[in-house]
Amino acid sequence: MGRSRHSGAARHLRRLVAGFVVALFLAATPAMAQAAFKATASASFTASTYVIPAPGSIAGTYSCDTTRPFGSTINVTSYVKVARATAYQLTVIAPDGTSQTQSFTGNTVSMTKASSLRSGTYTYELSALVGTWTGTPYRGTYTC
């Protein structure tokens, strides 16, 4: 028994139709996936900034060492606290331009800063820290 010519043509037609169906499916799949991600959602939110203010005032004493080694000691005994502050930072700048910084969390702090100059103006700065952010410093000066 031999094969008829029609059965070969039918097989060829089936393969052609199957290939067309597969190609159509593959072409339509990205469109279906894209349609699945076209949905949007929205929600309201608020954002704001916080400027870390300087402490309102500082009280304390200072002393000057006019014999070698020259320098000064500053004692901060009180200061106006800053809302949200996690710590504070005191910086003293000597008349020769060198500086020293100390962070603290207590109510008082004392720092001695050496200087190569016997006399001059010292600058002190007290800043509030909120996490890793440093606020605007309260600045003052005194002269030795």
Foldseek 3Di string as FASTA:
>chain_A
DDDDPVVVVVVVVVVVVVVVVVVVVVVCVVVVVVVVPPDDDDDDDDDDDDAFAAWPDWDWDKDWDLDPQTWMKTKTQAIHDTPQFPWKKKKKADPQGDIDMDIGRDGMDMDIDTDNDSKDKMKMWMWGHRPPDTHDTDIDIDID
